[in-house]
Structure formats: C-alpha cells, structure tokens
C-alpha cells in the first residue's frame, strides 16, 4: 500500500484535496440537554472563502475599468476639444503669410490629420444677471470640419461656431450663470495695452449664437468662443497666448514624438522659434498636472481594492489552517497508509489554490459583467431613485448618480484582456502562496496523531 500511495499521480492528490475541502456535506448530531433529536448538514467552510474572494475581486474590476473609462473619456475630450494632440506656440500676431505657410506645411506632415489656429485668453462676461469670468477662445472656422471636435461637442441650441465677428458661442454653464439664451446679448470685458505700458479695459458686445457642452463641466464651464480675427482685435499678448493646434491619427501611439519633432523643425524653418524643445508641446506636457492627478487617484483606488483581495486571501489561509487542525486525525490515517509529507502538503496546496481560483474566476466574471454594463446599471438605478422621489418626496430634487458637474454624463468602457489576465494570474499566485503554511502544517502531522487521539 505505501508503494501504491507514493506512485499516485498528481490527479489523485488533486482529487483528495478537493474531496477534503469540497466534499459532500457532513452530518452532525443535534443534541439537547438529554438526548439526540436528529442531525443537521455541515457544509464545507471553503464555500465561504470562495464567496469572500469573489466579493473582494468584483470591486477591483469595477474600479479599474470604470476609472480607466472615465480617465480616457475626459482625456479624449480635453485633447479633441481644447488642448489638441500637440500645440505649436506662436507669436501673438504673426503675419498672415507666415501663418498660411505654417498651417499648410504642418498639415502635410506625415500622420497629421488637422491643424487649426487658436488664441486663448481671459475676460469677464457680463449680462443683466451678473458677471462671470470667461475663458476666451478665438478659434478658426476650420474647427467645424474637425471630426474629433464635432464628436465630443454637443450643441444645446444655436450653432457650433459663430457666423459673424460680433457673435459668440458659450459653454452651457457659462450661459446658465449669465442666464442668457441664443439671441441674447453678452458684454465681454478684456484688457488692452493702449500705449505699451497702461492696461485699459475694453468692452465688446456679442450676440449669443450658440450654447454647447462637452458633457464634462470642468472642461467647458467658462468657454466663450469667438472668431480668431475677433480675438486678435480684443486680446493682447500679456493676457493671452496663440498656438497652432495639431491633431494626429493616434495621439496615444508612438508617432506623437516624431510628429512633434517634425512640426518643431517646420516652425524653425519658417522663423517662428529656434528652440525645438519648447516650440511644440505634446498633450502630455500641456495638461500634465491634470492627468497626473487622474492617475494618482486611480492608483490609490486600485491599491485599496488590492488590499481587500489580500485580506480575502489571508482569510483563505486562516480557513485552510483551521481545517488542517480540525482534521489531523484524517490526515494521520492517510499517512499511516503511506501518504508522504510532500504528498500531504501537495493535497492542501492544490486545495487552497483551487479554492482561491474558483473565487477569482467567479468574481472576475461578475466584475467584468458589471463593468461592461455599468452605464445600464446606473441608468436603471437612476430610474428607481427618480420613481422613489416622485412617489414619496414629490417636492425634493432628484438624485443624479452621474452629475455632469463632477463626472461624465456617460462612462466610456474600453475593455482590454490585459487587466483580467494580470488580476487572475496574480490572485491565483497569491492563493497558492497563502496555502503554503497550512500545507506545511499538514505535512508535519505524524501518524502517531492517530494513536494519541484514540
């Protein structure tokens, strides 16, 4: 018999491990003070460990996919509607001939899809309802042909771009703050350099031609969009800056730096700048602080969820250790029939790893499903909250689960198998790792335990 036991393949040891941990329910007597009244089922405690690991894995997937989707959605909006993929910094008021040559040469560079002029500055927008700071954007009419801009900008009313020099397009929340609609007049106060030393206010009146939104308030809350030529007239080089916004086919790909170098070379050839390193900036530099903040928040959330998975793995180790201590007799019997120390350790190592893997796979399936359906789930919850509000508190304001004041109105989900493979691989390894100590405890049990218990 010992020789037979020692020649058993790994399949037999795996069977013993799973039979030990997930075998049929056992019957225990139910005793009162005097006699036995019956029996009840005692299920394996490892189903609880499976459930605990599954529950701890689900939030990890949701955090990763939802945070990735939010960050990617916000980043895309910034790149396509504000920052551009690259920015070529220009003098405030270059000659028209220089500008035409620059736009033409940059637009024909390999990988470039569009190039448009813009002047950004600050001002004060005022109406009969009050005044609000405004982010002035003097943009060229070519922006209406920019597919990336059109994809993320939604027109609430009016037009996407001003039709004349005295018209403006406002961001949704700027229009709300000023309490204006399409057709109303807005006064824009800017500073002009009158004699090279003194800054004097300049008042310009615009008709609201359109109201737009990107779906993210932090981006477009104070937009005051006017034609490029108008911005040249009312802004100055001390309170604004001019740039050429450049877009390429893949802003996240390896060609970004190559296009940056080529654009910088074109600027230098046309006499705009002699410093190739500062003449053209990529989006990673333009919005560096914002994106670092996003990534830091995401990393902290992932760390918190990872700690929950580690706690679940420790609970698995605790359950496995307790199981070994409670079943020393059965382990001693197996050893008396020839089970070696390494085989005993292998049984519980396989059992613990299988327990963790089962929980990981179940949690991964549920987590991926919830992540991919997060918008539908939020919409369903929103309907339930709205119904509850209308039914029980008619006078109260409805709760917005995705308030566009702080979040995107819709979470874009970009699924990648990289994260599930990493999570499953690391989690299975962690389950095997925490199973080592209980497995070693089972290996240390001697057959003499049988005699001592008897």
Protein backbone atom coordinates (compact mmCIF):
# COMPACT_ATOMS: atom_id res chain seq x y z
CA UNK A 1 0.00 0.00 0.00
CA UNK A 2 2.70 2.59 0.80
CA UNK A 3 4.32 1.94 -2.56
CA UNK A 4 0.96 2.35 -4.27
CA UNK A 5 0.32 5.63 -2.50
CA UNK A 6 3.70 7.01 -3.42
CA UNK A 7 3.14 6.25 -7.10
CA UNK A 8 -0.20 8.03 -7.31
CA UNK A 9 -0.21 10.79 -9.93
CA UNK A 10 -0.96 14.44 -9.21
CA UNK A 11 -4.53 13.84 -10.33
CA UNK A 12 -5.16 11.61 -7.33
CA UNK A 13 -3.70 14.18 -4.96
CA UNK A 14 -5.87 16.89 -6.51
CA UNK A 15 -8.92 14.66 -6.06
CA UNK A 16 -8.08 14.13 -2.39
CA UNK A 17 -7.57 17.86 -1.86
CA UNK A 18 -10.87 18.84 -3.47
CA UNK A 19 -12.66 15.95 -1.73
CA UNK A 20 -11.31 17.12 1.59
CA UNK A 21 -12.35 20.74 1.09
CA UNK A 22 -15.48 20.48 -1.03
CA UNK A 23 -16.76 17.00 -0.25
CA UNK A 24 -20.34 16.07 0.45
CA UNK A 25 -21.98 17.78 3.41
CA UNK A 26 -21.33 16.01 6.69
CA UNK A 27 -23.96 15.12 9.27
CA UNK A 28 -23.61 16.25 12.86
CA UNK A 29 -25.93 15.35 15.73
CA UNK A 30 -28.19 17.95 17.23
CA UNK A 31 -28.11 17.41 20.97
CA UNK A 32 -30.36 18.88 23.58
CA UNK A 33 -29.78 18.51 27.32
CA UNK A 34 -30.88 14.88 27.43
CA UNK A 35 -30.85 13.15 24.12
CA UNK A 36 -30.17 13.33 20.41
CA UNK A 37 -33.03 14.79 18.40
CA UNK A 38 -31.57 14.47 14.93
CA UNK A 39 -28.84 15.59 12.60
CA UNK A 40 -28.09 18.70 10.52
CA UNK A 41 -25.91 19.35 7.49
CA UNK A 42 -22.48 20.92 7.98
CA UNK A 43 -21.25 22.38 4.73
CA UNK A 44 -17.64 23.00 3.82
CA UNK A 45 -16.35 26.33 5.20
CA UNK A 46 -14.45 26.87 1.97
CA UNK A 47 -17.55 27.91 0.09
CA UNK A 48 -17.48 30.96 2.35
CA UNK A 49 -13.85 31.54 1.38
CA UNK A 50 -14.82 31.29 -2.30
CA UNK A 51 -17.60 33.83 -1.75
CA UNK A 52 -15.28 36.17 0.15
CA UNK A 53 -12.66 36.14 -2.61
CA UNK A 54 -15.32 36.65 -5.28
CA UNK A 55 -16.78 39.66 -3.49
CA UNK A 56 -13.34 41.20 -2.99
CA UNK A 57 -12.41 40.76 -6.67
CA UNK A 58 -15.56 42.39 -8.09
CA UNK A 59 -14.84 45.97 -6.91
CA UNK A 60 -11.28 45.71 -8.23
CA UNK A 61 -12.56 45.17 -11.78
CA UNK A 62 -15.14 47.93 -11.44
CA UNK A 63 -12.55 50.40 -10.18
CA UNK A 64 -10.07 49.55 -12.95
CA UNK A 65 -12.47 49.59 -15.88
CA UNK A 66 -14.64 52.48 -14.70
CA UNK A 67 -11.66 54.65 -13.71
CA UNK A 68 -9.91 53.83 -16.99
CA UNK A 69 -13.08 54.69 -18.87
CA UNK A 70 -13.58 57.96 -17.01
CA UNK A 71 -9.94 59.00 -17.41
CA UNK A 72 -9.90 58.05 -21.09
CA UNK A 73 -13.22 59.80 -21.71
CA UNK A 74 -12.09 63.02 -20.01
CA UNK A 75 -8.68 62.86 -21.68
CA UNK A 76 -10.21 62.42 -25.13
CA UNK A 77 -12.47 65.41 -24.54
CA UNK A 78 -9.56 67.59 -23.49
CA UNK A 79 -7.45 66.52 -26.47
CA UNK A 80 -10.17 66.80 -29.10
CA UNK A 81 -11.94 69.95 -27.90
CA UNK A 82 -9.33 72.04 -26.05
CA UNK A 83 -5.66 71.06 -25.83
CA UNK A 84 -5.15 69.34 -29.15
CA UNK A 85 -2.68 66.50 -29.54
CA UNK A 86 0.18 68.96 -29.97
CA UNK A 87 0.46 72.71 -29.57
CA UNK A 88 2.87 74.81 -31.59
CA UNK A 89 3.38 78.03 -29.62
CA UNK A 90 3.23 81.14 -31.88
CA UNK A 91 3.82 84.86 -31.53
CA UNK A 92 0.62 86.69 -30.64
CA UNK A 93 0.10 88.37 -34.01
CA UNK A 94 2.29 86.90 -36.76
CA UNK A 95 1.97 87.97 -40.37
CA UNK A 96 -0.85 86.32 -42.36
CA UNK A 97 1.67 84.99 -44.88
CA UNK A 98 3.69 83.24 -42.15
CA UNK A 99 0.53 81.73 -40.70
CA UNK A 100 -0.66 80.41 -44.06
CA UNK A 101 2.70 78.85 -44.82
CA UNK A 102 2.88 77.26 -41.37
CA UNK A 103 -0.62 75.79 -41.48
CA UNK A 104 -0.02 74.45 -44.99
CA UNK A 105 3.35 72.87 -44.17
CA UNK A 106 2.26 71.35 -40.84
CA UNK A 107 -0.99 69.97 -42.32
CA UNK A 108 1.00 68.00 -44.89
CA UNK A 109 3.32 66.33 -42.36
CA UNK A 110 3.03 62.51 -42.20
CA UNK A 111 0.50 61.46 -39.57
CA UNK A 112 -1.11 64.91 -39.15
CA UNK A 113 -4.88 64.99 -39.68
CA UNK A 114 -5.60 68.68 -39.00
CA UNK A 115 -4.04 71.96 -37.89
CA UNK A 116 -6.03 74.95 -36.64
CA UNK A 117 -5.17 78.36 -35.15
CA UNK A 118 -6.39 79.44 -31.73
CA UNK A 119 -5.89 82.27 -29.23
CA UNK A 120 -6.77 81.66 -25.59
CA UNK A 121 -7.24 84.43 -23.06
CA UNK A 122 -9.22 85.55 -20.02
CA UNK A 123 -12.02 88.05 -19.71
CA UNK A 124 -15.16 88.95 -17.81
CA UNK A 125 -18.53 88.08 -19.34
CA UNK A 126 -21.47 90.18 -18.13
CA UNK A 127 -25.22 90.22 -18.64
CA UNK A 128 -28.23 91.59 -16.81
CA UNK A 129 -27.98 88.66 -14.37
CA UNK A 130 -24.40 89.39 -13.31
CA UNK A 131 -20.82 88.77 -14.39
CA UNK A 132 -18.66 85.63 -14.59
CA UNK A 133 -15.03 85.02 -15.54
CA UNK A 134 -14.74 83.67 -19.07
CA UNK A 135 -12.17 81.55 -20.86
CA UNK A 136 -11.98 83.25 -24.23
CA UNK A 137 -11.19 81.01 -27.18
CA UNK A 138 -10.52 82.66 -30.50
CA UNK A 139 -10.86 79.82 -32.99
CA UNK A 140 -10.65 79.48 -36.76
CA UNK A 141 -13.68 78.38 -38.75
CA UNK A 142 -11.86 75.19 -39.75
CA UNK A 143 -12.85 73.76 -36.36
CA UNK A 144 -16.30 72.89 -37.76
CA UNK A 145 -14.56 70.33 -40.02
CA UNK A 146 -12.61 68.75 -37.15
CA UNK A 147 -14.16 65.32 -36.65
CA UNK A 148 -12.70 64.95 -33.15
CA UNK A 149 -14.16 68.28 -32.02
CA UNK A 150 -17.56 67.50 -33.50
CA UNK A 151 -17.59 64.05 -31.90
CA UNK A 152 -17.45 65.39 -28.34
CA UNK A 153 -19.15 68.78 -28.58
CA UNK A 154 -22.92 68.76 -28.32
CA UNK A 155 -24.94 71.76 -29.44
CA UNK A 156 -27.65 72.52 -26.90
CA UNK A 157 -29.08 75.31 -29.05
CA UNK A 158 -28.00 77.54 -31.91
CA UNK A 159 -24.84 76.83 -33.90
CA UNK A 160 -21.45 75.20 -33.29
CA UNK A 161 -19.36 78.19 -34.42
CA UNK A 162 -20.10 81.95 -34.64
CA UNK A 163 -21.28 83.10 -38.04
CA UNK A 164 -20.01 86.70 -37.75
CA UNK A 165 -17.43 88.78 -35.91
CA UNK A 166 -19.89 90.03 -33.27
CA UNK A 167 -21.27 86.59 -32.36
CA UNK A 168 -20.12 84.15 -29.67
CA UNK A 169 -20.77 80.56 -28.68
CA UNK A 170 -20.96 79.93 -24.92
CA UNK A 171 -20.41 76.89 -22.76
CA UNK A 172 -23.58 75.52 -21.20
CA UNK A 173 -22.78 76.53 -17.62
CA UNK A 174 -21.49 79.97 -18.56
CA UNK A 175 -24.80 80.59 -20.32
CA UNK A 176 -26.69 79.38 -17.25
CA UNK A 177 -24.65 81.59 -14.93
CA UNK A 178 -25.36 84.61 -17.14
CA UNK A 179 -28.98 83.49 -17.69
CA UNK A 180 -28.78 84.05 -21.42
CA UNK A 181 -30.09 82.11 -24.40
CA UNK A 182 -29.47 82.15 -28.12
CA UNK A 183 -30.18 85.65 -29.46
CA UNK A 184 -29.37 87.48 -26.20
CA UNK A 185 -26.51 89.95 -25.85
CA UNK A 186 -23.44 89.45 -23.65
CA UNK A 187 -20.76 92.01 -22.83
CA UNK A 188 -17.17 90.80 -22.76
CA UNK A 189 -14.64 92.88 -20.84
CA UNK A 190 -10.97 92.38 -21.71
CA UNK A 191 -7.73 94.30 -21.16
CA UNK A 192 -5.95 96.14 -23.94
CA UNK A 193 -2.45 97.58 -23.94
CA UNK A 194 -3.06 101.19 -25.01
CA UNK A 195 0.42 102.71 -25.02
CA UNK A 196 2.77 99.83 -24.26
CA UNK A 197 2.55 100.43 -20.50
CA UNK A 198 -1.03 101.05 -19.41
CA UNK A 199 -3.65 98.28 -19.48
CA UNK A 200 -7.17 99.61 -20.09
CA UNK A 201 -10.45 97.68 -20.13
CA UNK A 202 -12.16 97.12 -23.44
CA UNK A 203 -15.86 96.33 -23.67
CA UNK A 204 -17.22 94.30 -26.58
CA UNK A 205 -20.83 93.27 -27.09
CA UNK A 206 -21.61 89.87 -28.62
CA UNK A 207 -24.78 88.14 -29.64
CA UNK A 208 -25.11 84.58 -28.36
CA UNK A 209 -25.18 82.39 -31.47
CA UNK A 210 -24.97 79.01 -29.78
CA UNK A 211 -24.69 77.11 -26.50
CA UNK A 212 -22.56 73.94 -26.40
CA UNK A 213 -21.31 71.29 -23.98
CA UNK A 214 -18.73 68.50 -23.98
CA UNK A 215 -20.54 66.56 -21.24
CA UNK A 216 -17.88 67.49 -18.68
CA UNK A 217 -18.38 70.73 -16.78
CA UNK A 218 -14.79 71.13 -15.58
CA UNK A 219 -13.72 71.45 -19.21
CA UNK A 220 -16.28 73.73 -20.83
CA UNK A 221 -17.89 75.62 -17.93
CA UNK A 222 -16.45 79.05 -18.91
CA UNK A 223 -15.98 78.72 -22.67
CA UNK A 224 -16.55 81.95 -24.60
CA UNK A 225 -15.82 81.07 -28.23
CA UNK A 226 -15.34 83.87 -30.76
CA UNK A 227 -13.76 84.04 -34.24
CA UNK A 228 -9.96 84.06 -34.41
CA UNK A 229 -9.85 87.51 -36.02
CA UNK A 230 -12.06 88.99 -33.29
CA UNK A 231 -9.81 87.57 -30.59
CA UNK A 232 -6.81 89.24 -32.23
CA UNK A 233 -8.63 92.56 -32.02
CA UNK A 234 -9.77 92.46 -28.37
CA UNK A 235 -6.99 90.44 -26.67
CA UNK A 236 -3.34 91.23 -26.03
CA UNK A 237 -0.12 89.27 -25.68
CA UNK A 238 0.10 89.89 -21.90
CA UNK A 239 -3.15 88.11 -21.01
CA UNK A 240 -3.41 85.52 -23.78
CA UNK A 241 -1.35 83.22 -25.95
CA UNK A 242 -1.56 82.00 -29.52
CA UNK A 243 -0.90 78.48 -30.78
CA UNK A 244 -1.43 76.09 -33.64
CA UNK A 245 -3.43 73.06 -32.53
CA UNK A 246 -2.19 69.91 -34.28
CA UNK A 247 -4.02 66.58 -34.36
CA UNK A 248 -2.72 63.21 -35.49
CA UNK A 249 -4.30 59.85 -36.18
CA UNK A 250 -3.28 58.22 -32.87
CA UNK A 251 -2.37 60.62 -30.02
CA UNK A 252 -1.58 57.68 -27.72
CA UNK A 253 0.72 55.95 -30.20
CA UNK A 254 4.48 56.09 -30.74
CA UNK A 255 4.26 58.65 -33.58
CA UNK A 256 3.42 61.56 -31.25
CA UNK A 257 7.03 62.50 -30.53
CA UNK A 258 8.03 62.02 -34.15
CA UNK A 259 5.35 64.47 -35.33
CA UNK A 260 6.38 66.89 -32.56
CA UNK A 261 9.97 66.92 -33.86
CA UNK A 262 8.82 67.42 -37.46
CA UNK A 263 6.47 70.27 -36.52
CA UNK A 264 9.22 71.95 -34.47
CA UNK A 265 11.50 71.73 -37.48
CA UNK A 266 8.87 73.41 -39.68
CA UNK A 267 8.46 76.24 -37.14
CA UNK A 268 12.19 76.79 -37.03
CA UNK A 269 12.42 76.79 -40.84
CA UNK A 270 9.72 79.47 -41.05
CA UNK A 271 11.43 81.64 -38.43
CA UNK A 272 8.93 81.16 -35.58
CA UNK A 273 11.21 79.61 -32.95
CA UNK A 274 14.80 78.47 -32.64
CA UNK A 275 14.14 76.19 -29.66
CA UNK A 276 12.80 72.89 -30.92
CA UNK A 277 12.14 71.57 -27.40
CA UNK A 278 9.72 74.35 -26.39
CA UNK A 279 8.27 75.31 -29.77
CA UNK A 280 5.90 72.33 -29.85
CA UNK A 281 4.37 70.68 -26.78
CA UNK A 282 2.59 67.33 -26.67
CA UNK A 283 -0.66 66.85 -24.76
CA UNK A 284 1.27 65.04 -22.01
CA UNK A 285 3.07 68.32 -21.26
CA UNK A 286 0.15 70.68 -21.86
CA UNK A 287 -2.16 69.01 -19.31
CA UNK A 288 0.48 67.28 -17.21
CA UNK A 289 -0.90 68.33 -13.81
CA UNK A 290 -4.44 67.27 -14.62
CA UNK A 291 -3.53 63.83 -15.92
CA UNK A 292 -1.11 63.16 -13.05
CA UNK A 293 -3.97 63.92 -10.67
CA UNK A 294 -6.19 61.42 -12.50
CA UNK A 295 -3.56 58.70 -12.42
CA UNK A 296 -2.76 59.28 -8.72
CA UNK A 297 -6.42 58.96 -7.77
CA UNK A 298 -6.76 55.82 -9.86
CA UNK A 299 -3.66 54.26 -8.28
CA UNK A 300 -4.96 54.91 -4.76
CA UNK A 301 -8.32 53.32 -5.57
CA UNK A 302 -6.66 50.25 -7.09
CA UNK A 303 -4.40 49.93 -4.03
CA UNK A 304 -7.40 49.99 -1.70
CA UNK A 305 -9.18 47.32 -3.73
CA UNK A 306 -5.99 45.23 -3.89
CA UNK A 307 -5.79 45.33 -0.09
CA UNK A 308 -9.31 43.89 0.03
CA UNK A 309 -8.14 40.99 -2.16
CA UNK A 310 -5.13 40.43 0.13
CA UNK A 311 -7.44 40.30 3.17
CA UNK A 312 -9.62 37.72 1.38
CA UNK A 313 -6.50 35.63 0.64
CA UNK A 314 -5.48 35.79 4.30
CA UNK A 315 -8.98 34.62 5.27
CA UNK A 316 -8.47 31.66 2.93
CA UNK A 317 -5.20 30.83 4.68
CA UNK A 318 -6.92 31.06 8.05
CA UNK A 319 -9.76 28.77 6.96
CA UNK A 320 -7.30 26.27 5.50
CA UNK A 321 -5.16 26.27 8.66
CA UNK A 322 -8.21 25.74 10.85
CA UNK A 323 -9.33 22.90 8.59
CA UNK A 324 -5.96 21.19 8.88
CA UNK A 325 -6.00 21.44 12.67
CA UNK A 326 -9.57 20.08 12.86
CA UNK A 327 -8.79 17.12 10.57
CA UNK A 328 -5.48 15.95 11.94
CA UNK A 329 -6.99 12.51 12.51
CA UNK A 330 -7.94 12.01 8.86
CA UNK A 331 -4.52 13.27 7.74
CA UNK A 332 -2.82 10.89 10.19
CA UNK A 333 -4.87 7.97 8.83
CA UNK A 334 -3.81 8.80 5.26
CA UNK A 335 -0.19 8.98 6.35
CA UNK A 336 -0.47 5.62 8.08
CA UNK A 337 -1.45 4.21 4.67
CA UNK A 338 1.70 5.59 3.09
CA UNK A 339 0.94 9.24 2.27
CA UNK A 340 4.26 11.09 2.28
CA UNK A 341 4.93 14.55 3.73
CA UNK A 342 5.24 16.10 0.28
CA UNK A 343 2.02 14.44 -0.89
CA UNK A 344 0.15 15.70 2.17
CA UNK A 345 1.44 19.22 1.53
CA UNK A 346 0.53 18.95 -2.15
CA UNK A 347 -3.05 17.96 -1.31
CA UNK A 348 -3.70 21.12 0.69
CA UNK A 349 -1.65 23.32 -1.61
CA UNK A 350 -3.80 22.20 -4.53
CA UNK A 351 -6.98 22.52 -2.47
CA UNK A 352 -6.16 26.06 -1.32
CA UNK A 353 -5.14 27.16 -4.82
CA UNK A 354 -8.31 25.64 -6.29
CA UNK A 355 -10.44 27.41 -3.67
CA UNK A 356 -8.84 30.75 -4.48
CA UNK A 357 -9.03 30.14 -8.23
CA UNK A 358 -12.74 29.31 -8.04
CA UNK A 359 -13.46 32.53 -6.16
CA UNK A 360 -11.24 34.53 -8.51
CA UNK A 361 -12.90 33.21 -11.66
CA UNK A 362 -16.41 33.73 -10.29
CA UNK A 363 -15.57 37.25 -9.09
CA UNK A 364 -13.87 38.06 -12.39
CA UNK A 365 -16.90 37.01 -14.41
CA UNK A 366 -19.27 39.09 -12.29
CA UNK A 367 -16.85 42.05 -12.12
CA UNK A 368 -16.36 42.14 -15.90
CA UNK A 369 -20.11 41.90 -16.49
CA UNK A 370 -20.87 44.76 -14.08
CA UNK A 371 -18.06 46.87 -15.55
CA UNK A 372 -19.26 46.39 -19.13
CA UNK A 373 -22.87 47.13 -18.12
CA UNK A 374 -22.12 50.00 -15.72
CA UNK A 375 -23.99 52.62 -17.77
CA UNK A 376 -27.11 50.45 -17.99
CA UNK A 377 -26.92 49.66 -14.27
CA UNK A 378 -26.56 53.34 -13.37
CA UNK A 379 -29.47 54.22 -15.68
CA UNK A 380 -31.64 51.58 -14.01
CA UNK A 381 -30.72 52.82 -10.53
CA UNK A 382 -31.42 56.38 -11.67
CA UNK A 383 -34.91 55.34 -12.77
CA UNK A 384 -35.52 53.67 -9.39
CA UNK A 385 -34.35 56.77 -7.49
CA UNK A 386 -36.47 59.05 -9.69
CA UNK A 387 -39.53 56.85 -9.15
CA UNK A 388 -38.94 56.83 -5.39
CA UNK A 389 -38.52 60.63 -5.36
CA UNK A 390 -41.70 61.24 -7.36
CA UNK A 391 -43.69 58.79 -5.22
CA UNK A 392 -42.58 59.59 -1.68
CA UNK A 393 -40.97 63.07 -1.85
CA UNK A 394 -42.58 64.93 -4.76
CA UNK A 395 -41.09 68.29 -3.78
CA UNK A 396 -37.49 67.08 -3.49
CA UNK A 397 -34.84 67.29 -6.19
CA UNK A 398 -33.96 64.08 -7.99
CA UNK A 399 -30.59 62.48 -7.22
CA UNK A 400 -28.21 62.45 -10.21
CA UNK A 401 -25.89 59.43 -9.96
CA UNK A 402 -23.68 60.79 -12.75
CA UNK A 403 -23.85 64.51 -12.10
CA UNK A 404 -22.19 66.27 -15.05
CA UNK A 405 -20.99 68.94 -12.63
CA UNK A 406 -18.38 66.43 -11.48
CA UNK A 407 -18.45 63.39 -13.78
CA UNK A 408 -19.02 62.47 -17.38
CA UNK A 409 -22.64 62.01 -18.35
CA UNK A 410 -21.73 58.66 -19.91
CA UNK A 411 -18.84 56.38 -18.92
CA UNK A 412 -16.92 55.07 -21.95
CA UNK A 413 -15.76 51.49 -21.36
CA UNK A 414 -12.70 50.32 -23.26
CA UNK A 415 -12.30 46.63 -22.41
CA UNK A 416 -8.88 45.00 -22.53
CA UNK A 417 -7.97 41.43 -21.60
CA UNK A 418 -4.67 42.63 -20.16
CA UNK A 419 -6.17 43.57 -16.78
CA UNK A 420 -8.20 40.35 -16.24
CA UNK A 421 -5.18 38.23 -17.13
CA UNK A 422 -2.97 40.14 -14.71
CA UNK A 423 -5.57 40.08 -11.91
CA UNK A 424 -6.29 36.37 -12.32
CA UNK A 425 -2.61 35.45 -12.57
CA UNK A 426 -1.55 37.49 -9.53
CA UNK A 427 -4.56 36.39 -7.48
CA UNK A 428 -4.04 32.69 -8.20
CA UNK A 429 -0.38 33.07 -7.26
CA UNK A 430 -1.42 34.80 -4.02
CA UNK A 431 -3.85 31.94 -3.25
CA UNK A 432 -1.08 29.41 -3.76
CA UNK A 433 1.29 31.47 -1.65
CA UNK A 434 -1.04 31.74 1.36
CA UNK A 435 -1.75 27.99 1.11
CA UNK A 436 1.90 27.08 1.74
CA UNK A 437 1.80 27.45 5.55
CA UNK A 438 -1.37 25.30 6.01
CA UNK A 439 0.13 22.75 3.59
CA UNK A 440 3.33 22.59 5.65
CA UNK A 441 1.27 22.13 8.82
CA UNK A 442 -0.48 19.15 7.26
CA UNK A 443 2.89 17.70 6.26
CA UNK A 444 4.14 17.94 9.86
CA UNK A 445 1.34 15.75 11.25
CA UNK A 446 2.72 12.29 12.15
CA UNK A 447 0.74 9.01 12.11
CA UNK A 448 1.21 8.92 15.88
CA UNK A 449 -1.55 11.53 15.98
CA UNK A 450 -3.94 8.65 15.29
CA UNK A 451 -2.81 6.74 18.39
CA UNK A 452 -2.90 9.86 20.56
CA UNK A 453 -6.45 10.71 19.52
CA UNK A 454 -7.58 7.17 20.08
